């Protein structure tokens, strides 16, 4: 069942969200300060490409420098990616088949922020 959901996800919204995370990662990797956040964007992008069957693990030991980076991420990329997840989640929830995919999209909003 996970494979079927992942294939439908990939066709309907996963590829486009992956491209968004890829673009954000490339833009962040242009600066030396943004490289760790660019790598994180690539990891989240791979997760957004094929999400069913995987879980997100929160790191609580990241320290205070990551707090400043998280603010930059939120302003520069997180807001736009969250908006993409909201838009595709609402569009997927219009159909009965897309409801599980829309719910998965809504679960990715906190990850993108």
PDB file of N, CA and C in Angstrom:
ATOM      1  N   UNK A   1       0.814  -1.190   0.000  1.00  0.00           N
ATOM      2  CA  UNK A   1       0.000   0.000   0.000  1.00  0.00           C
ATOM      3  C   UNK A   1       0.866   1.266   0.000  1.00  0.00           C
ATOM      4  N   UNK A   2       2.009   1.208   0.750  1.00  0.00           N
ATOM      5  CA  UNK A   2       2.891   2.370   0.802  1.00  0.00           C
ATOM      6  C   UNK A   2       3.451   2.702  -0.576  1.00  0.00           C
ATOM      7  N   UNK A   3       3.773   1.666  -1.331  1.00  0.00           N
ATOM      8  CA  UNK A   3       4.340   1.898  -2.660  1.00  0.00           C
ATOM      9  C   UNK A   3       3.328   2.559  -3.580  1.00  0.00           C
ATOM     10  N   UNK A   4       2.082   2.113  -3.518  1.00  0.00           N
ATOM     11  CA  UNK A   4       1.039   2.716  -4.358  1.00  0.00           C
ATOM     12  C   UNK A   4       0.834   4.181  -3.973  1.00  0.00           C
ATOM     13  N   UNK A   5       0.763   4.456  -2.665  1.00  0.00           N
ATOM     14  CA  UNK A   5       0.607   5.840  -2.213  1.00  0.00           C
ATOM     15  C   UNK A   5       1.801   6.698  -2.631  1.00  0.00           C
ATOM     16  N   UNK A   6       3.013   6.134  -2.534  1.00  0.00           N
ATOM     17  CA  UNK A   6       4.198   6.890  -2.933  1.00  0.00           C
ATOM     18  C   UNK A   6       4.202   7.200  -4.424  1.00  0.00           C
ATOM     19  N   UNK A   7       3.754   6.269  -5.246  1.00  0.00           N
ATOM     20  CA  UNK A   7       3.717   6.505  -6.695  1.00  0.00           C
ATOM     21  C   UNK A   7       2.690   7.580  -7.029  1.00  0.00           C
ATOM     22  N   UNK A   8       1.505   7.487  -6.419  1.00  0.00           N
ATOM     23  CA  UNK A   8       0.484   8.519  -6.651  1.00  0.00           C
ATOM     24  C   UNK A   8       0.995   9.870  -6.150  1.00  0.00           C
ATOM     25  N   UNK A   9       1.628   9.868  -4.982  1.00  0.00           N
ATOM     26  CA  UNK A   9       2.195  11.092  -4.417  1.00  0.00           C
ATOM     27  C   UNK A   9       3.227  11.694  -5.362  1.00  0.00           C
ATOM     28  N   UNK A  10       4.105  10.860  -5.885  1.00  0.00           N
ATOM     29  CA  UNK A  10       5.165  11.330  -6.772  1.00  0.00           C
ATOM     30  C   UNK A  10       4.594  12.009  -8.003  1.00  0.00           C
ATOM     31  N   UNK A  11       3.564  11.414  -8.575  1.00  0.00           N
ATOM     32  CA  UNK A  11       2.974  11.959  -9.796  1.00  0.00           C
ATOM     33  C   UNK A  11       2.210  13.252  -9.516  1.00  0.00           C
ATOM     34  N   UNK A  12       1.449  13.295  -8.432  1.00  0.00           N
ATOM     35  CA  UNK A  12       0.571  14.440  -8.190  1.00  0.00           C
ATOM     36  C   UNK A  12       1.278  15.645  -7.570  1.00  0.00           C
ATOM     37  N   UNK A  13       2.136  15.422  -6.588  1.00  0.00           N
ATOM     38  CA  UNK A  13       2.743  16.595  -5.945  1.00  0.00           C
ATOM     39  C   UNK A  13       4.171  16.381  -5.477  1.00  0.00           C
ATOM     40  N   UNK A  14       4.608  15.157  -5.314  1.00  0.00           N
ATOM     41  CA  UNK A  14       5.934  14.901  -4.755  1.00  0.00           C
ATOM     42  C   UNK A  14       7.070  15.463  -5.581  1.00  0.00           C
ATOM     43  N   UNK A  15       6.980  15.314  -6.899  1.00  0.00           N
ATOM     44  CA  UNK A  15       8.047  15.799  -7.767  1.00  0.00           C
ATOM     45  C   UNK A  15       8.158  17.316  -7.698  1.00  0.00           C
ATOM     46  N   UNK A  16       7.017  18.004  -7.675  1.00  0.00           N
ATOM     47  CA  UNK A  16       7.022  19.469  -7.648  1.00  0.00           C
ATOM     48  C   UNK A  16       7.528  19.995  -6.318  1.00  0.00           C
ATOM     49  N   UNK A  17       7.150  19.342  -5.225  1.00  0.00           N
ATOM     50  CA  UNK A  17       7.653  19.769  -3.922  1.00  0.00           C
ATOM     51  C   UNK A  17       9.149  19.482  -3.812  1.00  0.00           C
ATOM     52  N   UNK A  18       9.587  18.366  -4.389  1.00  0.00           N
ATOM     53  CA  UNK A  18      11.014  18.049  -4.417  1.00  0.00           C
ATOM     54  C   UNK A  18      11.790  19.136  -5.152  1.00  0.00           C
ATOM     55  N   UNK A  19      11.244  19.597  -6.274  1.00  0.00           N
ATOM     56  CA  UNK A  19      11.908  20.670  -7.016  1.00  0.00           C
ATOM     57  C   UNK A  19      11.985  21.955  -6.191  1.00  0.00           C
ATOM     58  N   UNK A  20      10.952  22.244  -5.412  1.00  0.00           N
ATOM     59  CA  UNK A  20      10.977  23.418  -4.538  1.00  0.00           C
ATOM     60  C   UNK A  20      12.070  23.318  -3.489  1.00  0.00           C
ATOM     61  N   UNK A  21      12.178  22.151  -2.851  1.00  0.00           N
ATOM     62  CA  UNK A  21      13.234  21.959  -1.859  1.00  0.00           C
ATOM     63  C   UNK A  21      14.610  21.966  -2.513  1.00  0.00           C
ATOM     64  N   UNK A  22      14.714  21.415  -3.714  1.00  0.00           N
ATOM     65  CA  UNK A  22      15.978  21.418  -4.440  1.00  0.00           C
ATOM     66  C   UNK A  22      16.414  22.849  -4.758  1.00  0.00           C
ATOM     67  N   UNK A  23      15.487  23.666  -5.219  1.00  0.00           N
ATOM     68  CA  UNK A  23      15.792  25.067  -5.512  1.00  0.00           C
ATOM     69  C   UNK A  23      16.214  25.812  -4.246  1.00  0.00           C
ATOM     70  N   UNK A  24      15.486  25.599  -3.155  1.00  0.00           N
ATOM     71  CA  UNK A  24      15.847  26.246  -1.888  1.00  0.00           C
ATOM     72  C   UNK A  24      17.226  25.786  -1.427  1.00  0.00           C
ATOM     73  N   UNK A  25      17.523  24.495  -1.578  1.00  0.00           N
ATOM     74  CA  UNK A  25      18.827  23.972  -1.175  1.00  0.00           C
ATOM     75  C   UNK A  25      19.963  24.549  -1.994  1.00  0.00           C
ATOM     76  N   UNK A  26      19.767  24.664  -3.298  1.00  0.00           N
ATOM     77  CA  UNK A  26      20.804  25.237  -4.161  1.00  0.00           C
ATOM     78  C   UNK A  26      21.042  26.702  -3.809  1.00  0.00           C
ATOM     79  N   UNK A  27      19.966  27.452  -3.604  1.00  0.00           N
ATOM     80  CA  UNK A  27      20.118  28.867  -3.252  1.00  0.00           C
ATOM     81  C   UNK A  27      20.811  29.041  -1.902  1.00  0.00           C
ATOM     82  N   UNK A  28      20.514  28.166  -0.957  1.00  0.00           N
ATOM     83  CA  UNK A  28      21.160  28.267   0.347  1.00  0.00           C
ATOM     84  C   UNK A  28      22.623  27.843   0.301  1.00  0.00           C
ATOM     85  N   UNK A  29      22.966  26.926  -0.595  1.00  0.00           N
ATOM     86  CA  UNK A  29      24.350  26.460  -0.693  1.00  0.00           C
ATOM     87  C   UNK A  29      25.260  27.468  -1.389  1.00  0.00           C
ATOM     88  N   UNK A  30      24.707  28.531  -1.927  1.00  0.00           N
ATOM     89  CA  UNK A  30      25.539  29.557  -2.558  1.00  0.00           C
ATOM     90  C   UNK A  30      26.425  30.238  -1.518  1.00  0.00           C
ATOM     91  N   UNK A  31      25.901  30.449  -0.324  1.00  0.00           N
ATOM     92  CA  UNK A  31      26.689  31.078   0.735  1.00  0.00           C
ATOM     93  C   UNK A  31      27.269  30.012   1.654  1.00  0.00           C
ATOM     94  N   UNK A  32      28.373  30.322   2.268  1.00  0.00           N
ATOM     95  CA  UNK A  32      29.007  29.377   3.184  1.00  0.00           C
ATOM     96  C   UNK A  32      28.136  29.163   4.418  1.00  0.00           C
ATOM     97  N   UNK A  33      27.509  30.214   4.891  1.00  0.00           N
ATOM     98  CA  UNK A  33      26.662  30.111   6.080  1.00  0.00           C
ATOM     99  C   UNK A  33      25.440  29.233   5.808  1.00  0.00           C
ATOM    100  N   UNK A  34      24.937  29.256   4.581  1.00  0.00           N
ATOM    101  CA  UNK A  34      23.723  28.517   4.261  1.00  0.00           C
ATOM    102  C   UNK A  34      23.923  27.065   3.884  1.00  0.00           C
ATOM    103  N   UNK A  35      25.175  26.596   3.784  1.00  0.00           N
ATOM    104  CA  UNK A  35      25.421  25.217   3.341  1.00  0.00           C
ATOM    105  C   UNK A  35      24.743  24.181   4.239  1.00  0.00           C
ATOM    106  N   UNK A  36      24.836  24.263   5.571  1.00  0.00           N
ATOM    107  CA  UNK A  36      24.142  23.253   6.384  1.00  0.00           C
ATOM    108  C   UNK A  36      22.627  23.246   6.159  1.00  0.00           C
ATOM    109  N   UNK A  37      22.060  24.421   5.925  1.00  0.00           N
ATOM    110  CA  UNK A  37      20.619  24.500   5.697  1.00  0.00           C
ATOM    111  C   UNK A  37      20.266  24.021   4.293  1.00  0.00           C
ATOM    112  N   UNK A  38      21.163  24.226   3.349  1.00  0.00           N
ATOM    113  CA  UNK A  38      20.959  23.692   2.007  1.00  0.00           C
ATOM    114  C   UNK A  38      20.967  22.173   2.009  1.00  0.00           C
ATOM    115  N   UNK A  39      21.893  21.589   2.763  1.00  0.00           N
ATOM    116  CA  UNK A  39      21.941  20.128   2.879  1.00  0.00           C
ATOM    117  C   UNK A  39      20.677  19.613   3.553  1.00  0.00           C
ATOM    118  N   UNK A  40      20.209  20.321   4.577  1.00  0.00           N
ATOM    119  CA  UNK A  40      18.956  19.932   5.233  1.00  0.00           C
ATOM    120  C   UNK A  40      17.785  20.031   4.264  1.00  0.00           C
ATOM    121  N   UNK A  41      17.792  21.048   3.399  1.00  0.00           N
ATOM    122  CA  UNK A  41      16.724  21.182   2.403  1.00  0.00           C
ATOM    123  C   UNK A  41      16.750  20.013   1.428  1.00  0.00           C
ATOM    124  N   UNK A  42      17.943  19.549   1.052  1.00  0.00           N
ATOM    125  CA  UNK A  42      18.039  18.385   0.168  1.00  0.00           C
ATOM    126  C   UNK A  42      17.469  17.140   0.847  1.00  0.00           C
ATOM    127  N   UNK A  43      17.762  16.971   2.134  1.00  0.00           N
ATOM    128  CA  UNK A  43      17.238  15.811   2.870  1.00  0.00           C
ATOM    129  C   UNK A  43      15.714  15.858   2.971  1.00  0.00           C
ATOM    130  N   UNK A  44      15.179  17.026   3.287  1.00  0.00           N
ATOM    131  CA  UNK A  44      13.726  17.161   3.371  1.00  0.00           C
ATOM    132  C   UNK A  44      13.105  16.962   1.996  1.00  0.00           C
ATOM    133  N   UNK A  45      13.792  17.417   0.950  1.00  0.00           N
ATOM    134  CA  UNK A  45      13.300  17.234  -0.418  1.00  0.00           C
ATOM    135  C   UNK A  45      13.185  15.775  -0.799  1.00  0.00           C
ATOM    136  N   UNK A  46      14.171  14.977  -0.419  1.00  0.00           N
ATOM    137  CA  UNK A  46      14.099  13.537  -0.699  1.00  0.00           C
ATOM    138  C   UNK A  46      12.937  12.919   0.063  1.00  0.00           C
ATOM    139  N   UNK A  47      12.727  13.370   1.300  1.00  0.00           N
ATOM    140  CA  UNK A  47      11.586  12.883   2.077  1.00  0.00           C
ATOM    141  C   UNK A  47      10.269  13.307   1.429  1.00  0.00           C
ATOM    142  N   UNK A  48      10.209  14.536   0.912  1.00  0.00           N
ATOM    143  CA  UNK A  48       8.991  15.018   0.254  1.00  0.00           C
ATOM    144  C   UNK A  48       8.753  14.305  -1.069  1.00  0.00           C
ATOM    145  N   UNK A  49       9.792  13.735  -1.650  1.00  0.00           N
ATOM    146  CA  UNK A  49       9.649  13.007  -2.903  1.00  0.00           C
ATOM    147  C   UNK A  49       8.990  11.646  -2.688  1.00  0.00           C
ATOM    148  N   UNK A  50       9.280  10.970  -1.595  1.00  0.00           N
ATOM    149  CA  UNK A  50       8.822   9.602  -1.341  1.00  0.00           C
ATOM    150  C   UNK A  50       8.529   9.450   0.155  1.00  0.00           C
ATOM    151  N   UNK A  51       7.441  10.048   0.702  1.00  0.00           N
ATOM    152  CA  UNK A  51       7.283  10.169   2.156  1.00  0.00           C
ATOM    153  C   UNK A  51       6.702   8.961   2.882  1.00  0.00           C
ATOM    154  N   UNK A  52       5.892   8.168   2.234  1.00  0.00           N
ATOM    155  CA  UNK A  52       5.192   7.105   2.952  1.00  0.00           C
ATOM    156  C   UNK A  52       6.157   5.980   3.304  1.00  0.00           C
ATOM    157  N   UNK A  53       6.156   5.597   4.570  1.00  0.00           N
ATOM    158  CA  UNK A  53       7.041   4.548   5.050  1.00  0.00           C
ATOM    159  C   UNK A  53       8.261   5.095   5.783  1.00  0.00           C
ATOM    160  N   UNK A  54       8.401   6.413   5.851  1.00  0.00           N
ATOM    161  CA  UNK A  54       9.519   7.049   6.544  1.00  0.00           C
ATOM    162  C   UNK A  54       8.984   7.980   7.626  1.00  0.00           C
ATOM    163  N   UNK A  55       9.826   8.282   8.601  1.00  0.00           N
ATOM    164  CA  UNK A  55       9.437   9.207   9.659  1.00  0.00           C
ATOM    165  C   UNK A  55      10.476  10.322   9.767  1.00  0.00           C
ATOM    166  N   UNK A  56      10.049  11.442  10.310  1.00  0.00           N
ATOM    167  CA  UNK A  56      10.930  12.578  10.544  1.00  0.00           C
ATOM    168  C   UNK A  56      11.347  12.549  12.007  1.00  0.00           C
ATOM    169  N   UNK A  57      12.648  12.712  12.259  1.00  0.00           N
ATOM    170  CA  UNK A  57      13.176  12.709  13.617  1.00  0.00           C
ATOM    171  C   UNK A  57      13.628  14.125  13.952  1.00  0.00           C
ATOM    172  N   UNK A  58      13.125  14.658  15.055  1.00  0.00           N
ATOM    173  CA  UNK A  58      13.461  16.011  15.496  1.00  0.00           C
ATOM    174  C   UNK A  58      14.735  15.981  16.324  1.00  0.00           C
ATOM    175  N   UNK A  59      15.666  16.894  16.029  1.00  0.00           N
ATOM    176  CA  UNK A  59      16.912  17.002  16.796  1.00  0.00           C
ATOM    177  C   UNK A  59      16.777  18.120  17.813  1.00  0.00           C
ATOM    178  N   UNK A  60      16.820  17.778  19.081  1.00  0.00           N
ATOM    179  CA  UNK A  60      16.704  18.780  20.142  1.00  0.00           C
ATOM    180  C   UNK A  60      18.076  19.303  20.579  1.00  0.00           C
ATOM    181  N   UNK A  61      19.168  18.640  20.175  1.00  0.00           N
ATOM    182  CA  UNK A  61      20.502  19.024  20.626  1.00  0.00           C
ATOM    183  C   UNK A  61      21.233  19.900  19.604  1.00  0.00           C
ATOM    184  N   UNK A  62      20.501  20.629  18.778  1.00  0.00           N
ATOM    185  CA  UNK A  62      21.118  21.399  17.702  1.00  0.00           C
ATOM    186  C   UNK A  62      21.838  22.641  18.212  1.00  0.00           C
ATOM    187  N   UNK A  63      21.425  23.224  19.303  1.00  0.00           N
ATOM    188  CA  UNK A  63      22.109  24.385  19.860  1.00  0.00           C
ATOM    189  C   UNK A  63      21.519  25.703  19.393  1.00  0.00           C
ATOM    190  N   UNK A  64      22.055  26.790  19.950  1.00  0.00           N
ATOM    191  CA  UNK A  64      21.504  28.114  19.659  1.00  0.00           C
ATOM    192  C   UNK A  64      21.853  28.651  18.272  1.00  0.00           C
ATOM    193  N   UNK A  65      23.000  28.313  17.655  1.00  0.00           N
ATOM    194  CA  UNK A  65      23.226  28.820  16.298  1.00  0.00           C
ATOM    195  C   UNK A  65      22.169  28.342  15.306  1.00  0.00           C
ATOM    196  N   UNK A  66      21.618  27.167  15.543  1.00  0.00           N
ATOM    197  CA  UNK A  66      20.587  26.688  14.626  1.00  0.00           C
ATOM    198  C   UNK A  66      19.301  27.492  14.779  1.00  0.00           C
ATOM    199  N   UNK A  67      19.095  28.123  15.923  1.00  0.00           N
ATOM    200  CA  UNK A  67      17.906  28.963  16.114  1.00  0.00           C
ATOM    201  C   UNK A  67      17.944  30.158  15.169  1.00  0.00           C
ATOM    202  N   UNK A  68      19.096  30.802  15.062  1.00  0.00           N
ATOM    203  CA  UNK A  68      19.237  31.924  14.125  1.00  0.00           C
ATOM    204  C   UNK A  68      19.078  31.440  12.691  1.00  0.00           C
ATOM    205  N   UNK A  69      19.618  30.280  12.394  1.00  0.00           N
ATOM    206  CA  UNK A  69      19.473  29.712  11.056  1.00  0.00           C
ATOM    207  C   UNK A  69      18.039  29.347  10.742  1.00  0.00           C
ATOM    208  N   UNK A  70      17.316  28.885  11.754  1.00  0.00           N
ATOM    209  CA  UNK A  70      15.906  28.551  11.547  1.00  0.00           C
ATOM    210  C   UNK A  70      15.082  29.782  11.220  1.00  0.00           C
ATOM    211  N   UNK A  71      15.428  30.912  11.823  1.00  0.00           N
ATOM    212  CA  UNK A  71      14.722  32.159  11.509  1.00  0.00           C
ATOM    213  C   UNK A  71      14.988  32.548  10.057  1.00  0.00           C
ATOM    214  N   UNK A  72      16.248  32.441   9.624  1.00  0.00           N
ATOM    215  CA  UNK A  72      16.573  32.732   8.222  1.00  0.00           C
ATOM    216  C   UNK A  72      15.857  31.775   7.278  1.00  0.00           C
ATOM    217  N   UNK A  73      15.828  30.486   7.645  1.00  0.00           N
ATOM    218  CA  UNK A  73      15.147  29.493   6.822  1.00  0.00           C
ATOM    219  C   UNK A  73      13.670  29.830   6.690  1.00  0.00           C
ATOM    220  N   UNK A  74      13.050  30.197   7.803  1.00  0.00           N
ATOM    221  CA  UNK A  74      11.624  30.529   7.801  1.00  0.00           C
ATOM    222  C   UNK A  74      11.335  31.700   6.869  1.00  0.00           C
ATOM    223  N   UNK A  75      12.174  32.718   6.926  1.00  0.00           N
ATOM    224  CA  UNK A  75      11.945  33.903   6.107  1.00  0.00           C
ATOM    225  C   UNK A  75      12.239  33.634   4.633  1.00  0.00           C
ATOM    226  N   UNK A  76      13.356  32.970   4.342  1.00  0.00           N
ATOM    227  CA  UNK A  76      13.800  32.820   2.957  1.00  0.00           C
ATOM    228  C   UNK A  76      13.123  31.678   2.205  1.00  0.00           C
ATOM    229  N   UNK A  77      12.938  30.532   2.844  1.00  0.00           N
ATOM    230  CA  UNK A  77      12.443  29.371   2.105  1.00  0.00           C
ATOM    231  C   UNK A  77      11.257  28.681   2.761  1.00  0.00           C
ATOM    232  N   UNK A  78      11.246  28.595   4.074  1.00  0.00           N
ATOM    233  CA  UNK A  78      10.224  27.812   4.763  1.00  0.00           C
ATOM    234  C   UNK A  78       8.809  28.269   4.498  1.00  0.00           C
ATOM    235  N   UNK A  79       8.596  29.579   4.492  1.00  0.00           N
ATOM    236  CA  UNK A  79       7.268  30.130   4.262  1.00  0.00           C
ATOM    237  C   UNK A  79       6.739  29.718   2.895  1.00  0.00           C
ATOM    238  N   UNK A  80       7.576  29.812   1.872  1.00  0.00           N
ATOM    239  CA  UNK A  80       7.136  29.496   0.507  1.00  0.00           C
ATOM    240  C   UNK A  80       6.874  28.004   0.337  1.00  0.00           C
ATOM    241  N   UNK A  81       7.711  27.172   0.953  1.00  0.00           N
ATOM    242  CA  UNK A  81       7.494  25.731   0.859  1.00  0.00           C
ATOM    243  C   UNK A  81       6.248  25.318   1.638  1.00  0.00           C
ATOM    244  N   UNK A  82       6.011  25.930   2.788  1.00  0.00           N
ATOM    245  CA  UNK A  82       4.791  25.641   3.551  1.00  0.00           C
ATOM    246  C   UNK A  82       3.559  26.046   2.758  1.00  0.00           C
ATOM    247  N   UNK A  83       3.632  27.165   2.070  1.00  0.00           N
ATOM    248  CA  UNK A  83       2.522  27.599   1.222  1.00  0.00           C
ATOM    249  C   UNK A  83       2.265  26.595   0.097  1.00  0.00           C
ATOM    250  N   UNK A  84       3.335  26.031  -0.460  1.00  0.00           N
ATOM    251  CA  UNK A  84       3.180  24.982  -1.474  1.00  0.00           C
ATOM    252  C   UNK A  84       2.516  23.741  -0.910  1.00  0.00           C
ATOM    253  N   UNK A  85       2.882  23.361   0.314  1.00  0.00           N
ATOM    254  CA  UNK A  85       2.249  22.201   0.951  1.00  0.00           C
ATOM    255  C   UNK A  85       0.775  22.472   1.239  1.00  0.00           C
ATOM    256  N   UNK A  86       0.448  23.678   1.674  1.00  0.00           N
ATOM    257  CA  UNK A  86      -0.955  24.020   1.938  1.00  0.00           C
ATOM    258  C   UNK A  86      -1.766  23.961   0.651  1.00  0.00           C
ATOM    259  N   UNK A  87      -1.230  24.538  -0.412  1.00  0.00           N
ATOM    260  CA  UNK A  87      -1.941  24.574  -1.693  1.00  0.00           C
ATOM    261  C   UNK A  87      -2.168  23.177  -2.245  1.00  0.00           C
ATOM    262  N   UNK A  88      -1.120  22.366  -2.282  1.00  0.00           N
ATOM    263  CA  UNK A  88      -1.282  21.015  -2.824  1.00  0.00           C
ATOM    264  C   UNK A  88      -2.115  20.141  -1.896  1.00  0.00           C
ATOM    265  N   UNK A  89      -2.023  20.364  -0.577  1.00  0.00           N
ATOM    266  CA  UNK A  89      -2.844  19.597   0.355  1.00  0.00           C
ATOM    267  C   UNK A  89      -4.322  19.858   0.163  1.00  0.00           C
ATOM    268  N   UNK A  90      -4.692  21.122  -0.019  1.00  0.00           N
ATOM    269  CA  UNK A  90      -6.100  21.461  -0.265  1.00  0.00           C
ATOM    270  C   UNK A  90      -6.555  20.887  -1.598  1.00  0.00           C
ATOM    271  N   UNK A  91      -5.712  21.000  -2.622  1.00  0.00           N
ATOM    272  CA  UNK A  91      -6.080  20.472  -3.940  1.00  0.00           C
ATOM    273  C   UNK A  91      -6.254  18.956  -3.902  1.00  0.00           C
ATOM    274  N   UNK A  92      -5.419  18.262  -3.145  1.00  0.00           N
ATOM    275  CA  UNK A  92      -5.536  16.809  -3.064  1.00  0.00           C
ATOM    276  C   UNK A  92      -6.751  16.378  -2.253  1.00  0.00           C
ATOM    277  N   UNK A  93      -7.155  17.160  -1.275  1.00  0.00           N
ATOM    278  CA  UNK A  93      -8.307  16.800  -0.444  1.00  0.00           C
ATOM    279  C   UNK A  93      -9.636  16.987  -1.162  1.00  0.00           C
ATOM    280  N   UNK A  94      -9.631  17.546  -2.352  1.00  0.00           N
ATOM    281  CA  UNK A  94     -10.877  17.708  -3.102  1.00  0.00           C
ATOM    282  C   UNK A  94     -11.438  16.357  -3.516  1.00  0.00           C
ATOM    283  N   UNK A  95     -10.566  15.409  -3.855  1.00  0.00           N
ATOM    284  CA  UNK A  95     -11.026  14.082  -4.261  1.00  0.00           C
ATOM    285  C   UNK A  95     -10.913  13.111  -3.086  1.00  0.00           C
ATOM    286  N   UNK A  96     -11.702  12.066  -3.129  1.00  0.00           N
ATOM    287  CA  UNK A  96     -11.666  11.064  -2.059  1.00  0.00           C
ATOM    288  C   UNK A  96     -10.342  10.318  -2.073  1.00  0.00           C
ATOM    289  N   UNK A  97      -9.835  10.004  -3.243  1.00  0.00           N
ATOM    290  CA  UNK A  97      -8.572   9.273  -3.347  1.00  0.00           C
ATOM    291  C   UNK A  97      -7.411  10.120  -2.833  1.00  0.00           C
ATOM    292  N   UNK A  98      -7.490  11.425  -3.007  1.00  0.00           N
ATOM    293  CA  UNK A  98      -6.395  12.298  -2.614  1.00  0.00           C
ATOM    294  C   UNK A  98      -6.369  12.696  -1.158  1.00  0.00           C
ATOM    295  N   UNK A  99      -7.391  12.327  -0.377  1.00  0.00           N
ATOM    296  CA  UNK A  99      -7.445  12.745   1.028  1.00  0.00           C
ATOM    297  C   UNK A  99      -6.237  12.252   1.833  1.00  0.00           C
ATOM    298  N   UNK A 100      -5.818  10.977   1.739  1.00  0.00           N
ATOM    299  CA  UNK A 100      -4.620  10.574   2.495  1.00  0.00           C
ATOM    300  C   UNK A 100      -3.370  11.337   2.059  1.00  0.00           C
ATOM    301  N   UNK A 101      -3.296  11.661   0.778  1.00  0.00           N
ATOM    302  CA  UNK A 101      -2.150  12.417   0.280  1.00  0.00           C
ATOM    303  C   UNK A 101      -2.195  13.862   0.774  1.00  0.00           C
ATOM    304  N   UNK A 102      -3.394  14.433   0.829  1.00  0.00           N
ATOM    305  CA  UNK A 102      -3.536  15.786   1.358  1.00  0.00           C
ATOM    306  C   UNK A 102      -3.169  15.861   2.825  1.00  0.00           C
ATOM    307  N   UNK A 103      -3.573  14.857   3.591  1.00  0.00           N
ATOM    308  CA  UNK A 103      -3.224  14.814   5.014  1.00  0.00           C
ATOM    309  C   UNK A 103      -1.714  14.708   5.182  1.00  0.00           C
ATOM    310  N   UNK A 104      -1.071  13.889   4.346  1.00  0.00           N
ATOM    311  CA  UNK A 104       0.390  13.779   4.395  1.00  0.00           C
ATOM    312  C   UNK A 104       1.046  15.110   4.049  1.00  0.00           C
ATOM    313  N   UNK A 105       0.455  15.841   3.120  1.00  0.00           N
ATOM    314  CA  UNK A 105       0.980  17.160   2.769  1.00  0.00           C
ATOM    315  C   UNK A 105       0.862  18.115   3.947  1.00  0.00           C
ATOM    316  N   UNK A 106      -0.257  18.061   4.659  1.00  0.00           N
ATOM    317  CA  UNK A 106      -0.430  18.922   5.828  1.00  0.00           C
ATOM    318  C   UNK A 106       0.560  18.560   6.934  1.00  0.00           C
ATOM    319  N   UNK A 107       0.944  17.284   7.034  1.00  0.00           N
ATOM    320  CA  UNK A 107       1.932  16.873   8.032  1.00  0.00           C
ATOM    321  C   UNK A 107       3.330  17.379   7.692  1.00  0.00           C
ATOM    322  N   UNK A 108       3.567  17.689   6.424  1.00  0.00           N
ATOM    323  CA  UNK A 108       4.874  18.207   6.017  1.00  0.00           C
ATOM    324  C   UNK A 108       5.021  19.711   6.257  1.00  0.00           C
ATOM    325  N   UNK A 109       3.937  20.393   6.583  1.00  0.00           N
ATOM    326  CA  UNK A 109       4.020  21.842   6.813  1.00  0.00           C
ATOM    327  C   UNK A 109       4.949  22.178   7.985  1.00  0.00           C
ATOM    328  N   UNK A 110       4.827  21.529   9.159  1.00  0.00           N
ATOM    329  CA  UNK A 110       5.778  21.858  10.237  1.00  0.00           C
ATOM    330  C   UNK A 110       7.223  21.512   9.882  1.00  0.00           C
ATOM    331  N   UNK A 111       7.414  20.491   9.069  1.00  0.00           N
ATOM    332  CA  UNK A 111       8.772  20.127   8.658  1.00  0.00           C
ATOM    333  C   UNK A 111       9.370  21.231   7.790  1.00  0.00           C
ATOM    334  N   UNK A 112       8.551  21.815   6.928  1.00  0.00           N
ATOM    335  CA  UNK A 112       9.056  22.865   6.044  1.00  0.00           C
ATOM    336  C   UNK A 112       9.314  24.171   6.785  1.00  0.00           C
ATOM    337  N   UNK A 113       8.666  24.349   7.919  1.00  0.00           N
ATOM    338  CA  UNK A 113       8.886  25.573   8.688  1.00  0.00           C
ATOM    339  C   UNK A 113      10.041  25.384   9.642  1.00  0.00           C
TER     340      UNK A 113
END
